[in-house]
Amino acid sequence: MSAEIPADSPPAHDKQKVILYTKPDCPDCFNAKRFLNNRNIPFEVRDITDPQAVEELLALLGPGQYATPIIVMGEHVFVGFEVNRRHIENVLEQISR
């Protein structure tokens, strides 16, 4: 699954906060981190091998199979980085205003 997923309920994340759910040895996760760092975008990293991060994802997205990275920006949730790069850039531009 590699598209933006609309949240059914208001997220617990504030509009400016960026959370990046990753896993070890994930090239797309590395690219997402580099992208955010190069733009000086502050973000939190959550490793999905941590049970607490998995619980957060289940609360946010519900049960299912998801690819990494998962990028949460306010009310926007993206599964996958490269396939969503243009959308992510647009959202970052909107929330930085």
PDB file of N, CA and C in Angstrom:
ATOM      1  N   MET A   1       0.861  -1.160   0.000  1.00  0.00           N
ATOM      2  CA  MET A   1       0.000   0.000   0.000  1.00  0.00           C
ATOM      3  C   MET A   1       0.908   1.225   0.000  1.00  0.00           C
ATOM      4  N   SER A   2       0.724   2.114  -0.957  1.00  0.00           N
ATOM      5  CA  SER A   2       1.629   3.254  -1.072  1.00  0.00           C
ATOM      6  C   SER A   2       0.879   4.519  -1.440  1.00  0.00           C
ATOM      7  N   ALA A   3      -0.052   4.896  -0.624  1.00  0.00           N
ATOM      8  CA  ALA A   3      -0.798   6.114  -0.897  1.00  0.00           C
ATOM      9  C   ALA A   3      -1.164   6.772   0.416  1.00  0.00           C
ATOM     10  N   GLU A   4      -1.588   8.021   0.310  1.00  0.00           N
ATOM     11  CA  GLU A   4      -2.016   8.729   1.510  1.00  0.00           C
ATOM     12  C   GLU A   4      -3.270   8.058   2.047  1.00  0.00           C
ATOM     13  N   ILE A   5      -3.314   7.890   3.351  1.00  0.00           N
ATOM     14  CA  ILE A   5      -4.468   7.278   4.008  1.00  0.00           C
ATOM     15  C   ILE A   5      -5.136   8.344   4.851  1.00  0.00           C
ATOM     16  N   PRO A   6      -6.390   8.700   4.557  1.00  0.00           N
ATOM     17  CA  PRO A   6      -7.046   9.706   5.388  1.00  0.00           C
ATOM     18  C   PRO A   6      -7.353   9.139   6.767  1.00  0.00           C
ATOM     19  N   ALA A   7      -7.146   9.935   7.780  1.00  0.00           N
ATOM     20  CA  ALA A   7      -7.458   9.514   9.149  1.00  0.00           C
ATOM     21  C   ALA A   7      -8.962   9.604   9.359  1.00  0.00           C
ATOM     22  N   ASP A   8      -9.547   8.595   9.988  1.00  0.00           N
ATOM     23  CA  ASP A   8     -10.984   8.595  10.246  1.00  0.00           C
ATOM     24  C   ASP A   8     -11.373   9.542  11.369  1.00  0.00           C
ATOM     25  N   SER A   9     -10.480   9.720  12.309  1.00  0.00           N
ATOM     26  CA  SER A   9     -10.771  10.601  13.431  1.00  0.00           C
ATOM     27  C   SER A   9      -9.624  11.583  13.582  1.00  0.00           C
ATOM     28  N   PRO A  10      -9.849  12.681  14.282  1.00  0.00           N
ATOM     29  CA  PRO A  10      -8.775  13.651  14.438  1.00  0.00           C
ATOM     30  C   PRO A  10      -7.554  13.003  15.078  1.00  0.00           C
ATOM     31  N   PRO A  11      -6.381  13.192  14.469  1.00  0.00           N
ATOM     32  CA  PRO A  11      -5.181  12.562  15.009  1.00  0.00           C
ATOM     33  C   PRO A  11      -4.733  13.208  16.303  1.00  0.00           C
ATOM     34  N   ALA A  12      -3.950  12.451  17.045  1.00  0.00           N
ATOM     35  CA  ALA A  12      -3.425  12.968  18.307  1.00  0.00           C
ATOM     36  C   ALA A  12      -2.197  13.834  18.076  1.00  0.00           C
ATOM     37  N   HIS A  13      -1.807  14.019  16.822  1.00  0.00           N
ATOM     38  CA  HIS A  13      -0.598  14.757  16.495  1.00  0.00           C
ATOM     39  C   HIS A  13      -0.950  16.199  16.142  1.00  0.00           C
ATOM     40  N   ASP A  14      -0.093  17.142  16.570  1.00  0.00           N
ATOM     41  CA  ASP A  14      -0.376  18.520  16.205  1.00  0.00           C
ATOM     42  C   ASP A  14       0.007  18.756  14.750  1.00  0.00           C
ATOM     43  N   LYS A  15      -0.442  19.880  14.209  1.00  0.00           N
ATOM     44  CA  LYS A  15      -0.311  20.171  12.784  1.00  0.00           C
ATOM     45  C   LYS A  15       1.142  20.217  12.315  1.00  0.00           C
ATOM     46  N   GLN A  16       2.045  20.701  13.139  1.00  0.00           N
ATOM     47  CA  GLN A  16       3.439  20.872  12.743  1.00  0.00           C
ATOM     48  C   GLN A  16       4.295  19.628  12.984  1.00  0.00           C
ATOM     49  N   LYS A  17       3.819  18.681  13.753  1.00  0.00           N
ATOM     50  CA  LYS A  17       4.628  17.532  14.159  1.00  0.00           C
ATOM     51  C   LYS A  17       4.736  16.508  13.026  1.00  0.00           C
ATOM     52  N   VAL A  18       5.954  16.016  12.820  1.00  0.00           N
ATOM     53  CA  VAL A  18       6.194  14.978  11.823  1.00  0.00           C
ATOM     54  C   VAL A  18       6.732  13.755  12.557  1.00  0.00           C
ATOM     55  N   ILE A  19       6.084  12.618  12.336  1.00  0.00           N
ATOM     56  CA  ILE A  19       6.529  11.358  12.931  1.00  0.00           C
ATOM     57  C   ILE A  19       6.823  10.394  11.794  1.00  0.00           C
ATOM     58  N   LEU A  20       7.980   9.757  11.875  1.00  0.00           N
ATOM     59  CA  LEU A  20       8.428   8.826  10.856  1.00  0.00           C
ATOM     60  C   LEU A  20       8.531   7.436  11.482  1.00  0.00           C
ATOM     61  N   TYR A  21       7.663   6.529  11.047  1.00  0.00           N
ATOM     62  CA  TYR A  21       7.704   5.145  11.513  1.00  0.00           C
ATOM     63  C   TYR A  21       8.600   4.366  10.550  1.00  0.00           C
ATOM     64  N   THR A  22       9.629   3.724  11.099  1.00  0.00           N
ATOM     65  CA  THR A  22      10.628   3.054  10.279  1.00  0.00           C
ATOM     66  C   THR A  22      10.889   1.642  10.788  1.00  0.00           C
ATOM     67  N   LYS A  23      11.738   0.951  10.055  1.00  0.00           N
ATOM     68  CA  LYS A  23      12.273  -0.328  10.520  1.00  0.00           C
ATOM     69  C   LYS A  23      13.724  -0.405  10.055  1.00  0.00           C
ATOM     70  N   PRO A  24      14.530  -1.202  10.739  1.00  0.00           N
ATOM     71  CA  PRO A  24      15.938  -1.330  10.348  1.00  0.00           C
ATOM     72  C   PRO A  24      16.070  -1.858   8.911  1.00  0.00           C
ATOM     73  N   ASP A  25      17.132  -1.458   8.264  1.00  0.00           N
ATOM     74  CA  ASP A  25      17.455  -1.939   6.912  1.00  0.00           C
ATOM     75  C   ASP A  25      16.371  -1.625   5.884  1.00  0.00           C
ATOM     76  N   CYS A  26      15.756  -0.468   6.011  1.00  0.00           N
ATOM     77  CA  CYS A  26      14.711  -0.030   5.077  1.00  0.00           C
ATOM     78  C   CYS A  26      15.267   1.134   4.250  1.00  0.00           C
ATOM     79  N   PRO A  27      15.608   0.902   2.974  1.00  0.00           N
ATOM     80  CA  PRO A  27      16.175   1.975   2.156  1.00  0.00           C
ATOM     81  C   PRO A  27      15.240   3.178   2.009  1.00  0.00           C
ATOM     82  N   ASP A  28      13.949   2.933   1.860  1.00  0.00           N
ATOM     83  CA  ASP A  28      12.992   4.034   1.716  1.00  0.00           C
ATOM     84  C   ASP A  28      12.922   4.858   3.006  1.00  0.00           C
ATOM     85  N   CYS A  29      13.090   4.194   4.159  1.00  0.00           N
ATOM     86  CA  CYS A  29      13.123   4.899   5.450  1.00  0.00           C
ATOM     87  C   CYS A  29      14.343   5.807   5.515  1.00  0.00           C
ATOM     88  N   PHE A  30      15.484   5.293   5.076  1.00  0.00           N
ATOM     89  CA  PHE A  30      16.712   6.085   5.044  1.00  0.00           C
ATOM     90  C   PHE A  30      16.522   7.312   4.157  1.00  0.00           C
ATOM     91  N   ASN A  31      15.918   7.126   2.986  1.00  0.00           N
ATOM     92  CA  ASN A  31      15.680   8.251   2.074  1.00  0.00           C
ATOM     93  C   ASN A  31      14.739   9.282   2.682  1.00  0.00           C
ATOM     94  N   ALA A  32      13.729   8.823   3.395  1.00  0.00           N
ATOM     95  CA  ALA A  32      12.793   9.749   4.044  1.00  0.00           C
ATOM     96  C   ALA A  32      13.506  10.565   5.119  1.00  0.00           C
ATOM     97  N   LYS A  33      14.346   9.910   5.921  1.00  0.00           N
ATOM     98  CA  LYS A  33      15.108  10.621   6.954  1.00  0.00           C
ATOM     99  C   LYS A  33      16.020  11.665   6.322  1.00  0.00           C
ATOM    100  N   ARG A  34      16.715  11.271   5.272  1.00  0.00           N
ATOM    101  CA  ARG A  34      17.625  12.199   4.589  1.00  0.00           C
ATOM    102  C   ARG A  34      16.855  13.386   4.008  1.00  0.00           C
ATOM    103  N   PHE A  35      15.704  13.123   3.405  1.00  0.00           N
ATOM    104  CA  PHE A  35      14.852  14.167   2.841  1.00  0.00           C
ATOM    105  C   PHE A  35      14.459  15.185   3.918  1.00  0.00           C
ATOM    106  N   LEU A  36      13.985  14.701   5.055  1.00  0.00           N
ATOM    107  CA  LEU A  36      13.559  15.593   6.138  1.00  0.00           C
ATOM    108  C   LEU A  36      14.746  16.346   6.736  1.00  0.00           C
ATOM    109  N   ASN A  37      15.853  15.656   6.944  1.00  0.00           N
ATOM    110  CA  ASN A  37      17.048  16.312   7.486  1.00  0.00           C
ATOM    111  C   ASN A  37      17.574  17.392   6.547  1.00  0.00           C
ATOM    112  N   ASN A  38      17.608  17.116   5.250  1.00  0.00           N
ATOM    113  CA  ASN A  38      18.105  18.090   4.274  1.00  0.00           C
ATOM    114  C   ASN A  38      17.256  19.353   4.225  1.00  0.00           C
ATOM    115  N   ARG A  39      16.007  19.238   4.635  1.00  0.00           N
ATOM    116  CA  ARG A  39      15.098  20.393   4.647  1.00  0.00           C
ATOM    117  C   ARG A  39      14.943  20.987   6.044  1.00  0.00           C
ATOM    118  N   ASN A  40      15.763  20.499   6.974  1.00  0.00           N
ATOM    119  CA  ASN A  40      15.719  20.970   8.368  1.00  0.00           C
ATOM    120  C   ASN A  40      14.328  20.855   8.977  1.00  0.00           C
ATOM    121  N   ILE A  41      13.629  19.776   8.635  1.00  0.00           N
ATOM    122  CA  ILE A  41      12.300  19.500   9.183  1.00  0.00           C
ATOM    123  C   ILE A  41      12.495  18.653  10.438  1.00  0.00           C
ATOM    124  N   PRO A  42      12.091  19.160  11.600  1.00  0.00           N
ATOM    125  CA  PRO A  42      12.203  18.323  12.799  1.00  0.00           C
ATOM    126  C   PRO A  42      11.198  17.167  12.733  1.00  0.00           C
ATOM    127  N   PHE A  43      11.637  16.000  13.151  1.00  0.00           N
ATOM    128  CA  PHE A  43      10.752  14.837  13.132  1.00  0.00           C
ATOM    129  C   PHE A  43      11.166  13.865  14.217  1.00  0.00           C
ATOM    130  N   GLU A  44      10.216  13.038  14.596  1.00  0.00           N
ATOM    131  CA  GLU A  44      10.459  11.972  15.566  1.00  0.00           C
ATOM    132  C   GLU A  44      10.493  10.651  14.814  1.00  0.00           C
ATOM    133  N   VAL A  45      11.398   9.782  15.204  1.00  0.00           N
ATOM    134  CA  VAL A  45      11.498   8.459  14.592  1.00  0.00           C
ATOM    135  C   VAL A  45      10.933   7.432  15.557  1.00  0.00           C
ATOM    136  N   ARG A  46      10.079   6.571  15.034  1.00  0.00           N
ATOM    137  CA  ARG A  46       9.528   5.461  15.810  1.00  0.00           C
ATOM    138  C   ARG A  46       9.855   4.179  15.055  1.00  0.00           C
ATOM    139  N   ASP A  47      10.543   3.280  15.709  1.00  0.00           N
ATOM    140  CA  ASP A  47      10.938   2.002  15.117  1.00  0.00           C
ATOM    141  C   ASP A  47       9.797   1.010  15.307  1.00  0.00           C
ATOM    142  N   ILE A  48       9.288   0.464  14.208  1.00  0.00           N
ATOM    143  CA  ILE A  48       8.131  -0.431  14.319  1.00  0.00           C
ATOM    144  C   ILE A  48       8.491  -1.801  14.879  1.00  0.00           C
ATOM    145  N   THR A  49       9.763  -2.037  15.180  1.00  0.00           N
ATOM    146  CA  THR A  49      10.097  -3.262  15.909  1.00  0.00           C
ATOM    147  C   THR A  49       9.843  -3.074  17.401  1.00  0.00           C
ATOM    148  N   ASP A  50       9.523  -1.857  17.809  1.00  0.00           N
ATOM    149  CA  ASP A  50       9.162  -1.541  19.196  1.00  0.00           C
ATOM    150  C   ASP A  50       7.649  -1.735  19.349  1.00  0.00           C
ATOM    151  N   PRO A  51       7.211  -2.576  20.273  1.00  0.00           N
ATOM    152  CA  PRO A  51       5.774  -2.823  20.446  1.00  0.00           C
ATOM    153  C   PRO A  51       4.949  -1.549  20.676  1.00  0.00           C
ATOM    154  N   GLN A  52       5.507  -0.558  21.340  1.00  0.00           N
ATOM    155  CA  GLN A  52       4.768   0.688  21.569  1.00  0.00           C
ATOM    156  C   GLN A  52       4.485   1.412  20.246  1.00  0.00           C
ATOM    157  N   ALA A  53       5.451   1.404  19.329  1.00  0.00           N
ATOM    158  CA  ALA A  53       5.249   2.026  18.021  1.00  0.00           C
ATOM    159  C   ALA A  53       4.165   1.284  17.244  1.00  0.00           C
ATOM    160  N   VAL A  54       4.152  -0.037  17.358  1.00  0.00           N
ATOM    161  CA  VAL A  54       3.120  -0.835  16.688  1.00  0.00           C
ATOM    162  C   VAL A  54       1.743  -0.486  17.248  1.00  0.00           C
ATOM    163  N   GLU A  55       1.640  -0.338  18.560  1.00  0.00           N
ATOM    164  CA  GLU A  55       0.363   0.051  19.176  1.00  0.00           C
ATOM    165  C   GLU A  55      -0.102   1.407  18.656  1.00  0.00           C
ATOM    166  N   GLU A  56       0.828   2.357  18.531  1.00  0.00           N
ATOM    167  CA  GLU A  56       0.477   3.678  17.997  1.00  0.00           C
ATOM    168  C   GLU A  56      -0.070   3.563  16.581  1.00  0.00           C
ATOM    169  N   LEU A  57       0.598   2.757  15.751  1.00  0.00           N
ATOM    170  CA  LEU A  57       0.145   2.585  14.370  1.00  0.00           C
ATOM    171  C   LEU A  57      -1.226   1.931  14.308  1.00  0.00           C
ATOM    172  N   LEU A  58      -1.448   0.936  15.138  1.00  0.00           N
ATOM    173  CA  LEU A  58      -2.761   0.289  15.161  1.00  0.00           C
ATOM    174  C   LEU A  58      -3.847   1.270  15.569  1.00  0.00           C
ATOM    175  N   ALA A  59      -3.546   2.141  16.527  1.00  0.00           N
ATOM    176  CA  ALA A  59      -4.517   3.149  16.952  1.00  0.00           C
ATOM    177  C   ALA A  59      -4.774   4.158  15.836  1.00  0.00           C
ATOM    178  N   LEU A  60      -3.748   4.471  15.066  1.00  0.00           N
ATOM    179  CA  LEU A  60      -3.867   5.468  14.005  1.00  0.00           C
ATOM    180  C   LEU A  60      -4.505   4.908  12.739  1.00  0.00           C
ATOM    181  N   LEU A  61      -4.064   3.716  12.323  1.00  0.00           N
ATOM    182  CA  LEU A  61      -4.467   3.174  11.028  1.00  0.00           C
ATOM    183  C   LEU A  61      -5.384   1.965  11.095  1.00  0.00           C
ATOM    184  N   GLY A  62      -5.482   1.346  12.271  1.00  0.00           N
ATOM    185  CA  GLY A  62      -6.250   0.119  12.378  1.00  0.00           C
ATOM    186  C   GLY A  62      -5.412  -1.063  11.922  1.00  0.00           C
ATOM    187  N   PRO A  63      -5.945  -2.264  12.065  1.00  0.00           N
ATOM    188  CA  PRO A  63      -5.182  -3.451  11.681  1.00  0.00           C
ATOM    189  C   PRO A  63      -4.987  -3.515  10.171  1.00  0.00           C
ATOM    190  N   GLY A  64      -3.906  -4.125   9.767  1.00  0.00           N
ATOM    191  CA  GLY A  64      -3.611  -4.273   8.348  1.00  0.00           C
ATOM    192  C   GLY A  64      -2.137  -4.497   8.139  1.00  0.00           C
ATOM    193  N   GLN A  65      -1.755  -4.621   6.894  1.00  0.00           N
ATOM    194  CA  GLN A  65      -0.347  -4.759   6.552  1.00  0.00           C
ATOM    195  C   GLN A  65       0.094  -3.455   5.923  1.00  0.00           C
ATOM    196  N   TYR A  66       1.201  -2.923   6.406  1.00  0.00           N
ATOM    197  CA  TYR A  66       1.680  -1.637   5.925  1.00  0.00           C
ATOM    198  C   TYR A  66       3.151  -1.728   5.579  1.00  0.00           C
ATOM    199  N   ALA A  67       3.552  -0.935   4.596  1.00  0.00           N
ATOM    200  CA  ALA A  67       4.958  -0.818   4.234  1.00  0.00           C
ATOM    201  C   ALA A  67       5.571   0.325   5.032  1.00  0.00           C
ATOM    202  N   THR A  68       6.887   0.329   5.135  1.00  0.00           N
ATOM    203  CA  THR A  68       7.575   1.446   5.775  1.00  0.00           C
ATOM    204  C   THR A  68       8.332   2.214   4.706  1.00  0.00           C
ATOM    205  N   PRO A  69       8.552   3.482   4.947  1.00  0.00           N
ATOM    206  CA  PRO A  69       8.190   4.236   6.137  1.00  0.00           C
ATOM    207  C   PRO A  69       6.727   4.656   6.109  1.00  0.00           C
ATOM    208  N   ILE A  70       6.234   4.966   7.283  1.00  0.00           N
ATOM    209  CA  ILE A  70       4.927   5.602   7.420  1.00  0.00           C
ATOM    210  C   ILE A  70       5.211   6.981   7.984  1.00  0.00           C
ATOM    211  N   ILE A  71       4.741   7.989   7.279  1.00  0.00           N
ATOM    212  CA  ILE A  71       5.029   9.373   7.646  1.00  0.00           C
ATOM    213  C   ILE A  71       3.725  10.044   8.051  1.00  0.00           C
ATOM    214  N   VAL A  72       3.703  10.557   9.277  1.00  0.00           N
ATOM    215  CA  VAL A  72       2.523  11.235   9.810  1.00  0.00           C
ATOM    216  C   VAL A  72       2.858  12.715   9.936  1.00  0.00           C
ATOM    217  N   MET A  73       2.044  13.535   9.277  1.00  0.00           N
ATOM    218  CA  MET A  73       2.209  14.989   9.329  1.00  0.00           C
ATOM    219  C   MET A  73       0.844  15.591   9.623  1.00  0.00           C
ATOM    220  N   GLY A  74       0.582  15.867  10.890  1.00  0.00           N
ATOM    221  CA  GLY A  74      -0.730  16.386  11.253  1.00  0.00           C
ATOM    222  C   GLY A  74      -1.793  15.375  10.895  1.00  0.00           C
ATOM    223  N   GLU A  75      -2.741  15.775  10.058  1.00  0.00           N
ATOM    224  CA  GLU A  75      -3.837  14.885   9.658  1.00  0.00           C
ATOM    225  C   GLU A  75      -3.488  14.020   8.450  1.00  0.00           C
ATOM    226  N   HIS A  76      -2.298  14.169   7.905  1.00  0.00           N
ATOM    227  CA  HIS A  76      -1.874  13.418   6.726  1.00  0.00           C
ATOM    228  C   HIS A  76      -1.015  12.232   7.135  1.00  0.00           C
ATOM    229  N   VAL A  77      -1.318  11.078   6.526  1.00  0.00           N
ATOM    230  CA  VAL A  77      -0.549   9.864   6.777  1.00  0.00           C
ATOM    231  C   VAL A  77      -0.164   9.287   5.418  1.00  0.00           C
ATOM    232  N   PHE A  78       1.141   9.059   5.231  1.00  0.00           N
ATOM    233  CA  PHE A  78       1.642   8.502   3.981  1.00  0.00           C
ATOM    234  C   PHE A  78       2.320   7.169   4.263  1.00  0.00           C
ATOM    235  N   VAL A  79       2.016   6.177   3.444  1.00  0.00           N
ATOM    236  CA  VAL A  79       2.671   4.877   3.537  1.00  0.00           C
ATOM    237  C   VAL A  79       3.593   4.766   2.329  1.00  0.00           C
ATOM    238  N   GLY A  80       4.896   4.751   2.605  1.00  0.00           N
ATOM    239  CA  GLY A  80       5.898   4.778   1.546  1.00  0.00           C
ATOM    240  C   GLY A  80       6.390   6.196   1.334  1.00  0.00           C
ATOM    241  N   PHE A  81       7.661   6.339   0.981  1.00  0.00           N
ATOM    242  CA  PHE A  81       8.216   7.675   0.794  1.00  0.00           C
ATOM    243  C   PHE A  81       8.330   8.064  -0.674  1.00  0.00           C
ATOM    244  N   GLU A  82       9.113   7.324  -1.443  1.00  0.00           N
ATOM    245  CA  GLU A  82       9.383   7.733  -2.826  1.00  0.00           C
ATOM    246  C   GLU A  82       8.100   7.882  -3.641  1.00  0.00           C
ATOM    247  N   VAL A  83       7.149   6.983  -3.470  1.00  0.00           N
ATOM    248  CA  VAL A  83       5.905   7.053  -4.247  1.00  0.00           C
ATOM    249  C   VAL A  83       5.031   8.233  -3.833  1.00  0.00           C
ATOM    250  N   ASN A  84       5.277   8.776  -2.653  1.00  0.00           N
ATOM    251  CA  ASN A  84       4.483   9.896  -2.133  1.00  0.00           C
ATOM    252  C   ASN A  84       5.281  11.191  -2.006  1.00  0.00           C
ATOM    253  N   ARG A  85       6.489  11.201  -2.504  1.00  0.00           N
ATOM    254  CA  ARG A  85       7.393  12.336  -2.301  1.00  0.00           C
ATOM    255  C   ARG A  85       6.760  13.677  -2.675  1.00  0.00           C
ATOM    256  N   ARG A  86       6.136  13.751  -3.818  1.00  0.00           N
ATOM    257  CA  ARG A  86       5.538  15.014  -4.274  1.00  0.00           C
ATOM    258  C   ARG A  86       4.420  15.461  -3.328  1.00  0.00           C
ATOM    259  N   HIS A  87       3.594  14.534  -2.888  1.00  0.00           N
ATOM    260  CA  HIS A  87       2.516  14.861  -1.942  1.00  0.00           C
ATOM    261  C   HIS A  87       3.098  15.323  -0.603  1.00  0.00           C
ATOM    262  N   ILE A  88       4.155  14.661  -0.166  1.00  0.00           N
ATOM    263  CA  ILE A  88       4.805  15.027   1.095  1.00  0.00           C
ATOM    264  C   ILE A  88       5.366  16.440   1.004  1.00  0.00           C
ATOM    265  N   GLU A  89       6.016  16.760  -0.111  1.00  0.00           N
ATOM    266  CA  GLU A  89       6.544  18.115  -0.311  1.00  0.00           C
ATOM    267  C   GLU A  89       5.425  19.149  -0.232  1.00  0.00           C
ATOM    268  N   ASN A  90       4.287  18.855  -0.860  1.00  0.00           N
ATOM    269  CA  ASN A  90       3.148  19.787  -0.828  1.00  0.00           C
ATOM    270  C   ASN A  90       2.628  19.997   0.587  1.00  0.00           C
ATOM    271  N   VAL A  91       2.499  18.928   1.350  1.00  0.00           N
ATOM    272  CA  VAL A  91       2.002  19.045   2.723  1.00  0.00           C
ATOM    273  C   VAL A  91       2.993  19.816   3.583  1.00  0.00           C
ATOM    274  N   LEU A  92       4.279  19.533   3.430  1.00  0.00           N
ATOM    275  CA  LEU A  92       5.290  20.265   4.200  1.00  0.00           C
ATOM    276  C   LEU A  92       5.242  21.755   3.889  1.00  0.00           C
ATOM    277  N   GLU A  93       5.013  22.078   2.635  1.00  0.00           N
ATOM    278  CA  GLU A  93       4.892  23.492   2.250  1.00  0.00           C
ATOM    279  C   GLU A  93       3.678  24.127   2.926  1.00  0.00           C
ATOM    280  N   GLN A  94       2.568  23.415   2.980  1.00  0.00           N
ATOM    281  CA  GLN A  94       1.349  23.936   3.611  1.00  0.00           C
ATOM    282  C   GLN A  94       1.518  24.127   5.109  1.00  0.00           C
ATOM    283  N   ILE A  95       2.119  23.157   5.799  1.00  0.00           N
ATOM    284  CA  ILE A  95       2.203  23.266   7.256  1.00  0.00           C
ATOM    285  C   ILE A  95       3.299  24.216   7.712  1.00  0.00           C
ATOM    286  N   SER A  96       4.203  24.571   6.800  1.00  0.00           N
ATOM    287  CA  SER A  96       5.270  25.497   7.192  1.00  0.00           C
ATOM    288  C   SER A  96       4.848  26.953   7.035  1.00  0.00           C
ATOM    289  N   ARG A  97       3.663  27.190   6.492  1.00  0.00           N
ATOM    290  CA  ARG A  97       3.176  28.571   6.309  1.00  0.00           C
ATOM    291  C   ARG A  97       2.746  29.163   7.613  1.00  0.00           C
TER     292      ARG A  97
END
